[in-house]
Structure formats: structure tokens, C-alpha cells
PDB file of all heavy atoms in Angstrom:
ATOM      1  N   VAL A   1      71.262 -36.781 -34.316  1.00  0.00           N
ATOM      2  CA  VAL A   1      72.517 -36.644 -35.143  1.00  0.00           C
ATOM      3  C   VAL A   1      72.227 -36.750 -36.639  1.00  0.00           C
ATOM      4  O   VAL A   1      73.041 -36.370 -37.449  1.00  0.00           O
ATOM      5  CB  VAL A   1      73.571 -37.592 -34.718  1.00  0.00           C
ATOM      6  CG1 VAL A   1      73.979 -37.350 -33.260  1.00  0.00           C
ATOM      7  CG2 VAL A   1      73.138 -39.088 -34.908  1.00  0.00           C
ATOM      8  N   LEU A   2      71.110 -37.288 -37.056  1.00  0.00           N
ATOM      9  CA  LEU A   2      70.795 -37.500 -38.478  1.00  0.00           C
ATOM     10  C   LEU A   2      69.832 -36.448 -38.990  1.00  0.00           C
ATOM     11  O   LEU A   2      68.842 -36.111 -38.255  1.00  0.00           O
ATOM     12  CB  LEU A   2      70.170 -38.900 -38.700  1.00  0.00           C
ATOM     13  CG  LEU A   2      71.083 -40.112 -38.400  1.00  0.00           C
ATOM     14  CD1 LEU A   2      70.262 -41.383 -38.514  1.00  0.00           C
ATOM     15  CD2 LEU A   2      72.261 -40.087 -39.373  1.00  0.00           C
ATOM     16  N   ASP A   3      70.039 -35.889 -40.145  1.00  0.00           N
ATOM     17  CA  ASP A   3      69.070 -34.984 -40.743  1.00  0.00           C
ATOM     18  C   ASP A   3      67.841 -35.797 -41.259  1.00  0.00           C
ATOM     19  O   ASP A   3      67.907 -37.015 -41.288  1.00  0.00           O
ATOM     20  CB  ASP A   3      69.702 -34.152 -41.803  1.00  0.00           C
ATOM     21  CG  ASP A   3      70.264 -34.940 -42.969  1.00  0.00           C
ATOM     22  OD1 ASP A   3      69.919 -36.181 -43.096  1.00  0.00           O
ATOM     23  OD2 ASP A   3      71.087 -34.403 -43.771  1.00  0.00           O
ATOM     24  N   VAL A   4      66.851 -35.128 -41.653  1.00  0.00           N
ATOM     25  CA  VAL A   4      65.591 -35.802 -42.081  1.00  0.00           C
ATOM     26  C   VAL A   4      65.847 -36.709 -43.225  1.00  0.00           C
ATOM     27  O   VAL A   4      65.353 -37.881 -43.180  1.00  0.00           O
ATOM     28  CB  VAL A   4      64.456 -34.760 -42.375  1.00  0.00           C
ATOM     29  CG1 VAL A   4      63.272 -35.433 -42.931  1.00  0.00           C
ATOM     30  CG2 VAL A   4      64.107 -34.016 -41.096  1.00  0.00           C
ATOM     31  N   PRO A   5      66.479 -36.335 -44.322  1.00  0.00           N
ATOM     32  CA  PRO A   5      66.628 -37.292 -45.427  1.00  0.00           C
ATOM     33  C   PRO A   5      67.377 -38.573 -44.991  1.00  0.00           C
ATOM     34  O   PRO A   5      67.073 -39.654 -45.419  1.00  0.00           O
ATOM     35  CB  PRO A   5      67.494 -36.506 -46.413  1.00  0.00           C
ATOM     36  CG  PRO A   5      67.149 -35.058 -46.173  1.00  0.00           C
ATOM     37  CD  PRO A   5      66.967 -34.988 -44.686  1.00  0.00           C
ATOM     38  N   SER A   6      68.388 -38.394 -44.161  1.00  0.00           N
ATOM     39  CA  SER A   6      69.126 -39.639 -43.688  1.00  0.00           C
ATOM     40  C   SER A   6      68.295 -40.468 -42.755  1.00  0.00           C
ATOM     41  O   SER A   6      68.343 -41.701 -42.789  1.00  0.00           O
ATOM     42  CB  SER A   6      70.386 -39.197 -42.906  1.00  0.00           C
ATOM     43  OG  SER A   6      71.316 -38.501 -43.742  1.00  0.00           O
ATOM     44  N   ARG A   7      67.449 -39.858 -41.972  1.00  0.00           N
ATOM     45  CA  ARG A   7      66.498 -40.611 -41.144  1.00  0.00           C
ATOM     46  C   ARG A   7      65.519 -41.406 -41.955  1.00  0.00           C
ATOM     47  O   ARG A   7      65.192 -42.508 -41.682  1.00  0.00           O
ATOM     48  CB  ARG A   7      65.809 -39.685 -40.135  1.00  0.00           C
ATOM     49  CG  ARG A   7      66.712 -39.209 -39.007  1.00  0.00           C
ATOM     50  CD  ARG A   7      66.086 -38.025 -38.297  1.00  0.00           C
ATOM     51  NE  ARG A   7      64.818 -38.323 -37.728  1.00  0.00           N
ATOM     52  CZ  ARG A   7      64.065 -37.383 -37.125  1.00  0.00           C
ATOM     53  NH1 ARG A   7      64.457 -36.161 -37.020  1.00  0.00           N
ATOM     54  NH2 ARG A   7      62.891 -37.748 -36.624  1.00  0.00           N
ATOM     55  N   VAL A   8      65.032 -40.741 -43.058  1.00  0.00           N
ATOM     56  CA  VAL A   8      64.113 -41.431 -43.898  1.00  0.00           C
ATOM     57  C   VAL A   8      64.763 -42.689 -44.587  1.00  0.00           C
ATOM     58  O   VAL A   8      64.203 -43.757 -44.652  1.00  0.00           O
ATOM     59  CB  VAL A   8      63.545 -40.472 -44.981  1.00  0.00           C
ATOM     60  CG1 VAL A   8      62.735 -41.265 -46.072  1.00  0.00           C
ATOM     61  CG2 VAL A   8      62.622 -39.486 -44.348  1.00  0.00           C
ATOM     62  N   LYS A   9      66.020 -42.478 -45.066  1.00  0.00           N
ATOM     63  CA  LYS A   9      66.754 -43.609 -45.672  1.00  0.00           C
ATOM     64  C   LYS A   9      67.007 -44.727 -44.655  1.00  0.00           C
ATOM     65  O   LYS A   9      66.833 -45.867 -45.004  1.00  0.00           O
ATOM     66  CB  LYS A   9      68.105 -43.059 -46.180  1.00  0.00           C
ATOM     67  CG  LYS A   9      68.080 -42.219 -47.409  1.00  0.00           C
ATOM     68  CD  LYS A   9      69.484 -41.755 -47.764  1.00  0.00           C
ATOM     69  CE  LYS A   9      69.435 -40.821 -48.982  1.00  0.00           C
ATOM     70  NZ  LYS A   9      69.248 -41.500 -50.231  1.00  0.00           N
ATOM     71  N   LEU A  10      67.386 -44.389 -43.476  1.00  0.00           N
ATOM     72  CA  LEU A  10      67.683 -45.354 -42.478  1.00  0.00           C
ATOM     73  C   LEU A  10      66.410 -46.074 -42.048  1.00  0.00           C
ATOM     74  O   LEU A  10      66.379 -47.326 -41.924  1.00  0.00           O
ATOM     75  CB  LEU A  10      68.334 -44.742 -41.239  1.00  0.00           C
ATOM     76  CG  LEU A  10      68.642 -45.665 -40.050  1.00  0.00           C
ATOM     77  CD1 LEU A  10      69.510 -46.818 -40.528  1.00  0.00           C
ATOM     78  CD2 LEU A  10      69.339 -44.916 -38.913  1.00  0.00           C
ATOM     79  N   ALA A  11      65.312 -45.358 -41.877  1.00  0.00           N
ATOM     80  CA  ALA A  11      64.096 -45.979 -41.471  1.00  0.00           C
ATOM     81  C   ALA A  11      63.580 -46.932 -42.496  1.00  0.00           C
ATOM     82  O   ALA A  11      63.109 -48.053 -42.217  1.00  0.00           O
ATOM     83  CB  ALA A  11      63.005 -44.930 -41.188  1.00  0.00           C
ATOM     84  N   ASP A  12      63.689 -46.513 -43.714  1.00  0.00           N
ATOM     85  CA  ASP A  12      63.319 -47.419 -44.874  1.00  0.00           C
ATOM     86  C   ASP A  12      64.166 -48.669 -44.825  1.00  0.00           C
ATOM     87  O   ASP A  12      63.628 -49.796 -44.983  1.00  0.00           O
ATOM     88  CB  ASP A  12      63.492 -46.667 -46.161  1.00  0.00           C
ATOM     89  CG  ASP A  12      62.911 -47.446 -47.390  1.00  0.00           C
ATOM     90  OD1 ASP A  12      62.074 -48.362 -47.157  1.00  0.00           O
ATOM     91  OD2 ASP A  12      63.338 -47.112 -48.504  1.00  0.00           O
ATOM     92  N   ALA A  13      65.413 -48.521 -44.693  1.00  0.00           N
ATOM     93  CA  ALA A  13      66.315 -49.696 -44.714  1.00  0.00           C
ATOM     94  C   ALA A  13      66.062 -50.594 -43.521  1.00  0.00           C
ATOM     95  O   ALA A  13      66.037 -51.849 -43.703  1.00  0.00           O
ATOM     96  CB  ALA A  13      67.764 -49.243 -44.715  1.00  0.00           C
ATOM     97  N   LEU A  14      65.864 -50.072 -42.337  1.00  0.00           N
ATOM     98  CA  LEU A  14      65.551 -50.868 -41.160  1.00  0.00           C
ATOM     99  C   LEU A  14      64.258 -51.634 -41.313  1.00  0.00           C
ATOM    100  O   LEU A  14      64.160 -52.774 -40.965  1.00  0.00           O
ATOM    101  CB  LEU A  14      65.459 -49.951 -39.909  1.00  0.00           C
ATOM    102  CG  LEU A  14      66.783 -49.470 -39.348  1.00  0.00           C
ATOM    103  CD1 LEU A  14      66.587 -48.299 -38.337  1.00  0.00           C
ATOM    104  CD2 LEU A  14      67.552 -50.576 -38.677  1.00  0.00           C
ATOM    105  N   TRP A  15      63.276 -50.939 -41.882  1.00  0.00           N
ATOM    106  CA  TRP A  15      61.942 -51.624 -42.141  1.00  0.00           C
ATOM    107  C   TRP A  15      62.120 -52.809 -43.063  1.00  0.00           C
ATOM    108  O   TRP A  15      61.534 -53.857 -42.819  1.00  0.00           O
ATOM    109  CB  TRP A  15      60.980 -50.604 -42.680  1.00  0.00           C
ATOM    110  CG  TRP A  15      59.580 -51.136 -42.769  1.00  0.00           C
ATOM    111  CD1 TRP A  15      59.046 -51.786 -43.856  1.00  0.00           C
ATOM    112  CD2 TRP A  15      58.566 -51.139 -41.769  1.00  0.00           C
ATOM    113  NE1 TRP A  15      57.690 -52.182 -43.596  1.00  0.00           N
ATOM    114  CE2 TRP A  15      57.401 -51.731 -42.317  1.00  0.00           C
ATOM    115  CE3 TRP A  15      58.486 -50.595 -40.446  1.00  0.00           C
ATOM    116  CZ2 TRP A  15      56.219 -51.888 -41.592  1.00  0.00           C
ATOM    117  CZ3 TRP A  15      57.333 -50.708 -39.759  1.00  0.00           C
ATOM    118  CH2 TRP A  15      56.198 -51.399 -40.330  1.00  0.00           C
ATOM    119  N   GLN A  16      62.938 -52.615 -44.141  1.00  0.00           N
ATOM    120  CA  GLN A  16      63.037 -53.657 -45.140  1.00  0.00           C
ATOM    121  C   GLN A  16      63.793 -54.893 -44.585  1.00  0.00           C
ATOM    122  O   GLN A  16      63.750 -55.946 -45.228  1.00  0.00           O
ATOM    123  CB  GLN A  16      63.801 -53.093 -46.378  1.00  0.00           C
ATOM    124  CG  GLN A  16      63.036 -51.988 -47.074  1.00  0.00           C
ATOM    125  CD  GLN A  16      61.616 -52.400 -47.480  1.00  0.00           C
ATOM    126  OE1 GLN A  16      61.377 -53.534 -47.806  1.00  0.00           O
ATOM    127  NE2 GLN A  16      60.699 -51.430 -47.390  1.00  0.00           N
ATOM    128  N   THR A  17      64.483 -54.813 -43.487  1.00  0.00           N
ATOM    129  CA  THR A  17      65.162 -55.922 -42.907  1.00  0.00           C
ATOM    130  C   THR A  17      64.139 -56.989 -42.447  1.00  0.00           C
ATOM    131  O   THR A  17      64.477 -58.191 -42.319  1.00  0.00           O
ATOM    132  CB  THR A  17      66.039 -55.599 -41.685  1.00  0.00           C
ATOM    133  OG1 THR A  17      65.167 -55.116 -40.580  1.00  0.00           O
ATOM    134  CG2 THR A  17      67.051 -54.571 -42.033  1.00  0.00           C
ATOM    135  N   ASN A  18      62.953 -56.535 -42.131  1.00  0.00           N
ATOM    136  CA  ASN A  18      61.861 -57.415 -41.626  1.00  0.00           C
ATOM    137  C   ASN A  18      62.240 -57.964 -40.184  1.00  0.00           C
ATOM    138  O   ASN A  18      61.547 -58.891 -39.722  1.00  0.00           O
ATOM    139  CB  ASN A  18      61.581 -58.612 -42.594  1.00  0.00           C
ATOM    140  CG  ASN A  18      60.235 -59.303 -42.185  1.00  0.00           C
ATOM    141  OD1 ASN A  18      59.298 -58.675 -41.742  1.00  0.00           O
ATOM    142  ND2 ASN A  18      60.214 -60.617 -42.361  1.00  0.00           N
ATOM    143  N   ILE A  19      63.284 -57.415 -39.623  1.00  0.00           N
ATOM    144  CA  ILE A  19      63.570 -57.832 -38.217  1.00  0.00           C
ATOM    145  C   ILE A  19      62.603 -57.067 -37.308  1.00  0.00           C
ATOM    146  O   ILE A  19      62.383 -55.858 -37.480  1.00  0.00           O
ATOM    147  CB  ILE A  19      65.036 -57.483 -37.876  1.00  0.00           C
ATOM    148  CG1 ILE A  19      65.951 -58.327 -38.773  1.00  0.00           C
ATOM    149  CG2 ILE A  19      65.308 -57.698 -36.407  1.00  0.00           C
ATOM    150  CD1 ILE A  19      67.422 -57.882 -38.653  1.00  0.00           C
ATOM    151  N   HIS A  20      62.070 -57.723 -36.331  1.00  0.00           N
ATOM    152  CA  HIS A  20      61.085 -57.113 -35.419  1.00  0.00           C
ATOM    153  C   HIS A  20      61.619 -55.825 -34.863  1.00  0.00           C
ATOM    154  O   HIS A  20      61.008 -54.733 -34.980  1.00  0.00           O
ATOM    155  CB  HIS A  20      60.721 -58.092 -34.300  1.00  0.00           C
ATOM    156  CG  HIS A  20      59.782 -57.519 -33.279  1.00  0.00           C
ATOM    157  ND1 HIS A  20      58.405 -57.405 -33.435  1.00  0.00           N
ATOM    158  CD2 HIS A  20      60.046 -57.000 -32.020  1.00  0.00           C
ATOM    159  CE1 HIS A  20      57.861 -56.837 -32.441  1.00  0.00           C
ATOM    160  NE2 HIS A  20      58.852 -56.623 -31.538  1.00  0.00           N
ATOM    161  N   GLU A  21      62.800 -55.852 -34.234  1.00  0.00           N
ATOM    162  CA  GLU A  21      63.351 -54.636 -33.626  1.00  0.00           C
ATOM    163  C   GLU A  21      63.765 -53.579 -34.703  1.00  0.00           C
ATOM    164  O   GLU A  21      63.771 -52.372 -34.419  1.00  0.00           O
ATOM    165  CB  GLU A  21      64.616 -55.009 -32.795  1.00  0.00           C
ATOM    166  CG  GLU A  21      64.237 -55.766 -31.461  1.00  0.00           C
ATOM    167  CD  GLU A  21      64.077 -57.223 -31.738  1.00  0.00           C
ATOM    168  OE1 GLU A  21      64.113 -57.713 -32.901  1.00  0.00           O
ATOM    169  OE2 GLU A  21      63.889 -57.991 -30.689  1.00  0.00           O
ATOM    170  N   GLY A  22      64.121 -54.044 -35.882  1.00  0.00           N
ATOM    171  CA  GLY A  22      64.375 -53.163 -36.978  1.00  0.00           C
ATOM    172  C   GLY A  22      63.197 -52.335 -37.367  1.00  0.00           C
ATOM    173  O   GLY A  22      63.318 -51.107 -37.587  1.00  0.00           O
ATOM    174  N   ARG A  23      62.063 -52.959 -37.446  1.00  0.00           N
ATOM    175  CA  ARG A  23      60.833 -52.245 -37.785  1.00  0.00           C
ATOM    176  C   ARG A  23      60.362 -51.355 -36.674  1.00  0.00           C
ATOM    177  O   ARG A  23      59.926 -50.199 -36.917  1.00  0.00           O
ATOM    178  CB  ARG A  23      59.725 -53.268 -38.162  1.00  0.00           C
ATOM    179  CG  ARG A  23      60.047 -53.929 -39.487  1.00  0.00           C
ATOM    180  CD  ARG A  23      58.885 -54.629 -40.141  1.00  0.00           C
ATOM    181  NE  ARG A  23      59.137 -54.836 -41.551  1.00  0.00           N
ATOM    182  CZ  ARG A  23      58.307 -55.514 -42.403  1.00  0.00           C
ATOM    183  NH1 ARG A  23      57.161 -55.839 -42.024  1.00  0.00           N
ATOM    184  NH2 ARG A  23      58.655 -55.606 -43.662  1.00  0.00           N
ATOM    185  N   LEU A  24      60.516 -51.790 -35.436  1.00  0.00           N
ATOM    186  CA  LEU A  24      60.219 -50.900 -34.329  1.00  0.00           C
ATOM    187  C   LEU A  24      61.117 -49.679 -34.325  1.00  0.00           C
ATOM    188  O   LEU A  24      60.639 -48.524 -34.104  1.00  0.00           O
ATOM    189  CB  LEU A  24      60.329 -51.638 -33.017  1.00  0.00           C
ATOM    190  CG  LEU A  24      59.035 -52.244 -32.384  1.00  0.00           C
ATOM    191  CD1 LEU A  24      58.322 -53.118 -33.410  1.00  0.00           C
ATOM    192  CD2 LEU A  24      59.291 -52.950 -31.112  1.00  0.00           C
ATOM    193  N   ALA A  25      62.392 -49.871 -34.496  1.00  0.00           N
ATOM    194  CA  ALA A  25      63.321 -48.751 -34.514  1.00  0.00           C
ATOM    195  C   ALA A  25      63.025 -47.812 -35.735  1.00  0.00           C
ATOM    196  O   ALA A  25      63.156 -46.590 -35.572  1.00  0.00           O
ATOM    197  CB  ALA A  25      64.808 -49.287 -34.673  1.00  0.00           C
ATOM    198  N   ALA A  26      62.638 -48.342 -36.863  1.00  0.00           N
ATOM    199  CA  ALA A  26      62.304 -47.572 -37.987  1.00  0.00           C
ATOM    200  C   ALA A  26      61.193 -46.580 -37.662  1.00  0.00           C
ATOM    201  O   ALA A  26      61.202 -45.371 -37.931  1.00  0.00           O
ATOM    202  CB  ALA A  26      61.929 -48.425 -39.214  1.00  0.00           C
ATOM    203  N   ALA A  27      60.143 -47.123 -36.992  1.00  0.00           N
ATOM    204  CA  ALA A  27      59.028 -46.314 -36.578  1.00  0.00           C
ATOM    205  C   ALA A  27      59.446 -45.290 -35.536  1.00  0.00           C
ATOM    206  O   ALA A  27      59.013 -44.072 -35.618  1.00  0.00           O
ATOM    207  CB  ALA A  27      57.848 -47.181 -36.044  1.00  0.00           C
ATOM    208  N   LYS A  28      60.171 -45.695 -34.561  1.00  0.00           N
ATOM    209  CA  LYS A  28      60.616 -44.776 -33.468  1.00  0.00           C
ATOM    210  C   LYS A  28      61.469 -43.657 -34.052  1.00  0.00           C
ATOM    211  O   LYS A  28      61.435 -42.558 -33.536  1.00  0.00           O
ATOM    212  CB  LYS A  28      61.391 -45.505 -32.367  1.00  0.00           C
ATOM    213  CG  LYS A  28      60.552 -46.501 -31.562  1.00  0.00           C
ATOM    214  CD  LYS A  28      61.395 -47.284 -30.607  1.00  0.00           C
ATOM    215  CE  LYS A  28      60.615 -48.328 -29.841  1.00  0.00           C
ATOM    216  NZ  LYS A  28      59.652 -47.729 -28.881  1.00  0.00           N
ATOM    217  N   LEU A  29      62.271 -43.930 -35.074  1.00  0.00           N
ATOM    218  CA  LEU A  29      63.143 -42.966 -35.711  1.00  0.00           C
ATOM    219  C   LEU A  29      62.319 -41.809 -36.275  1.00  0.00           C
ATOM    220  O   LEU A  29      62.810 -40.710 -36.368  1.00  0.00           O
ATOM    221  CB  LEU A  29      64.014 -43.643 -36.765  1.00  0.00           C
ATOM    222  CG  LEU A  29      65.130 -42.913 -37.432  1.00  0.00           C
ATOM    223  CD1 LEU A  29      66.152 -42.411 -36.349  1.00  0.00           C
ATOM    224  CD2 LEU A  29      65.811 -43.786 -38.447  1.00  0.00           C
ATOM    225  N   LEU A  30      61.086 -42.093 -36.652  1.00  0.00           N
ATOM    226  CA  LEU A  30      60.241 -41.102 -37.276  1.00  0.00           C
ATOM    227  C   LEU A  30      59.127 -40.584 -36.417  1.00  0.00           C
ATOM    228  O   LEU A  30      58.257 -39.848 -36.852  1.00  0.00           O
ATOM    229  CB  LEU A  30      59.608 -41.680 -38.600  1.00  0.00           C
ATOM    230  CG  LEU A  30      60.625 -42.186 -39.574  1.00  0.00           C
ATOM    231  CD1 LEU A  30      59.852 -42.754 -40.828  1.00  0.00           C
ATOM    232  CD2 LEU A  30      61.603 -41.151 -40.044  1.00  0.00           C
ATOM    233  N   THR A  31      59.146 -40.976 -35.123  1.00  0.00           N
ATOM    234  CA  THR A  31      58.164 -40.523 -34.182  1.00  0.00           C
ATOM    235  C   THR A  31      58.645 -39.270 -33.498  1.00  0.00           C
ATOM    236  O   THR A  31      59.363 -39.312 -32.501  1.00  0.00           O
ATOM    237  CB  THR A  31      57.807 -41.622 -33.185  1.00  0.00           C
ATOM    238  OG1 THR A  31      57.439 -42.784 -33.885  1.00  0.00           O
ATOM    239  CG2 THR A  31      56.694 -41.180 -32.253  1.00  0.00           C
ATOM    240  N   GLN A  32      58.193 -38.118 -34.012  1.00  0.00           N
ATOM    241  CA  GLN A  32      58.647 -36.841 -33.459  1.00  0.00           C
ATOM    242  C   GLN A  32      57.618 -35.786 -33.917  1.00  0.00           C
ATOM    243  O   GLN A  32      57.178 -35.782 -35.079  1.00  0.00           O
ATOM    244  CB  GLN A  32      60.052 -36.497 -33.934  1.00  0.00           C
ATOM    245  CG  GLN A  32      60.636 -35.184 -33.358  1.00  0.00           C
ATOM    246  CD  GLN A  32      62.031 -34.971 -33.800  1.00  0.00           C
ATOM    247  OE1 GLN A  32      62.685 -35.923 -34.268  1.00  0.00           O
ATOM    248  NE2 GLN A  32      62.548 -33.764 -33.693  1.00  0.00           N
ATOM    249  N   ALA A  33      57.252 -34.896 -33.010  1.00  0.00           N
ATOM    250  CA  ALA A  33      56.252 -33.869 -33.333  1.00  0.00           C
ATOM    251  C   ALA A  33      56.723 -32.953 -34.443  1.00  0.00           C
ATOM    252  O   ALA A  33      55.996 -32.732 -35.417  1.00  0.00           O
ATOM    253  CB  ALA A  33      55.852 -33.122 -32.093  1.00  0.00           C
ATOM    254  N   ARG A  34      57.887 -32.382 -34.275  1.00  0.00           N
ATOM    255  CA  ARG A  34      58.434 -31.395 -35.241  1.00  0.00           C
ATOM    256  C   ARG A  34      59.407 -32.015 -36.196  1.00  0.00           C
ATOM    257  O   ARG A  34      60.551 -32.379 -35.776  1.00  0.00           O
ATOM    258  CB  ARG A  34      59.044 -30.211 -34.483  1.00  0.00           C
ATOM    259  CG  ARG A  34      58.078 -29.435 -33.653  1.00  0.00           C
ATOM    260  CD  ARG A  34      58.765 -28.278 -32.946  1.00  0.00           C
ATOM    261  NE  ARG A  34      59.300 -27.294 -33.846  1.00  0.00           N
ATOM    262  CZ  ARG A  34      58.589 -26.317 -34.414  1.00  0.00           C
ATOM    263  NH1 ARG A  34      57.339 -26.162 -34.176  1.00  0.00           N
ATOM    264  NH2 ARG A  34      59.213 -25.432 -35.224  1.00  0.00           N
ATOM    265  N   ILE A  35      59.012 -32.208 -37.423  1.00  0.00           N
ATOM    266  CA  ILE A  35      59.869 -32.686 -38.482  1.00  0.00           C
ATOM    267  C   ILE A  35      59.635 -31.793 -39.722  1.00  0.00           C
ATOM    268  O   ILE A  35      58.517 -31.722 -40.168  1.00  0.00           O
ATOM    269  CB  ILE A  35      59.619 -34.123 -38.895  1.00  0.00           C
ATOM    270  CG1 ILE A  35      59.833 -35.109 -37.696  1.00  0.00           C
ATOM    271  CG2 ILE A  35      60.533 -34.539 -40.019  1.00  0.00           C
ATOM    272  CD1 ILE A  35      59.557 -36.562 -38.027  1.00  0.00           C
ATOM    273  N   ARG A  36      60.627 -31.094 -40.129  1.00  0.00           N
ATOM    274  CA  ARG A  36      60.525 -30.223 -41.318  1.00  0.00           C
ATOM    275  C   ARG A  36      61.664 -30.474 -42.259  1.00  0.00           C
ATOM    276  O   ARG A  36      62.867 -30.392 -41.874  1.00  0.00           O
ATOM    277  CB  ARG A  36      60.528 -28.740 -40.817  1.00  0.00           C
ATOM    278  CG  ARG A  36      59.469 -28.328 -39.899  1.00  0.00           C
ATOM    279  CD  ARG A  36      58.098 -28.269 -40.695  1.00  0.00           C
ATOM    280  NE  ARG A  36      57.074 -27.740 -39.809  1.00  0.00           N
ATOM    281  CZ  ARG A  36      56.337 -28.410 -38.962  1.00  0.00           C
ATOM    282  NH1 ARG A  36      56.551 -29.742 -38.894  1.00  0.00           N
ATOM    283  NH2 ARG A  36      55.389 -27.858 -38.256  1.00  0.00           N
ATOM    284  N   PRO A  37      61.318 -30.719 -43.494  1.00  0.00           N
ATOM    285  CA  PRO A  37      60.006 -31.024 -44.077  1.00  0.00           C
ATOM    286  C   PRO A  37      59.613 -32.477 -43.745  1.00  0.00           C
ATOM    287  O   PRO A  37      60.474 -33.294 -43.362  1.00  0.00           O
ATOM    288  CB  PRO A  37      60.227 -30.819 -45.590  1.00  0.00           C
ATOM    289  CG  PRO A  37      61.620 -31.238 -45.819  1.00  0.00           C
ATOM    290  CD  PRO A  37      62.364 -30.787 -44.566  1.00  0.00           C
ATOM    291  N   ASP A  38      58.332 -32.786 -43.831  1.00  0.00           N
ATOM    292  CA  ASP A  38      57.874 -34.124 -43.463  1.00  0.00           C
ATOM    293  C   ASP A  38      57.127 -34.886 -44.536  1.00  0.00           C
ATOM    294  O   ASP A  38      56.580 -35.952 -44.206  1.00  0.00           O
ATOM    295  CB  ASP A  38      57.030 -34.001 -42.155  1.00  0.00           C
ATOM    296  CG  ASP A  38      55.616 -33.443 -42.400  1.00  0.00           C
ATOM    297  OD1 ASP A  38      55.504 -32.841 -43.506  1.00  0.00           O
ATOM    298  OD2 ASP A  38      54.744 -33.630 -41.552  1.00  0.00           O
TER     299      ASP A  38
END
């Protein structure tokens, strides 16, 4: 449901929480073979 720019913003914000699950979710949010642009 999120476009790439929104995913990048959300992943960055989740990572900055320093919560374990937040950082895992940040990485999973960006784990995809086809991302354009990347």
C-alpha cells in the first residue's frame, strides 16, 4: 500500500526508534527484489 518514498520514510523512522521489532520491520519493509527506483 505504500509507494517507495513513503516506505523509505517509514523504514528510516522505524529504524530510529531503536526498538528491536522496529528495526526488523524497517529492514523487512525494504526487502523486495523489484523496487524502482531504489
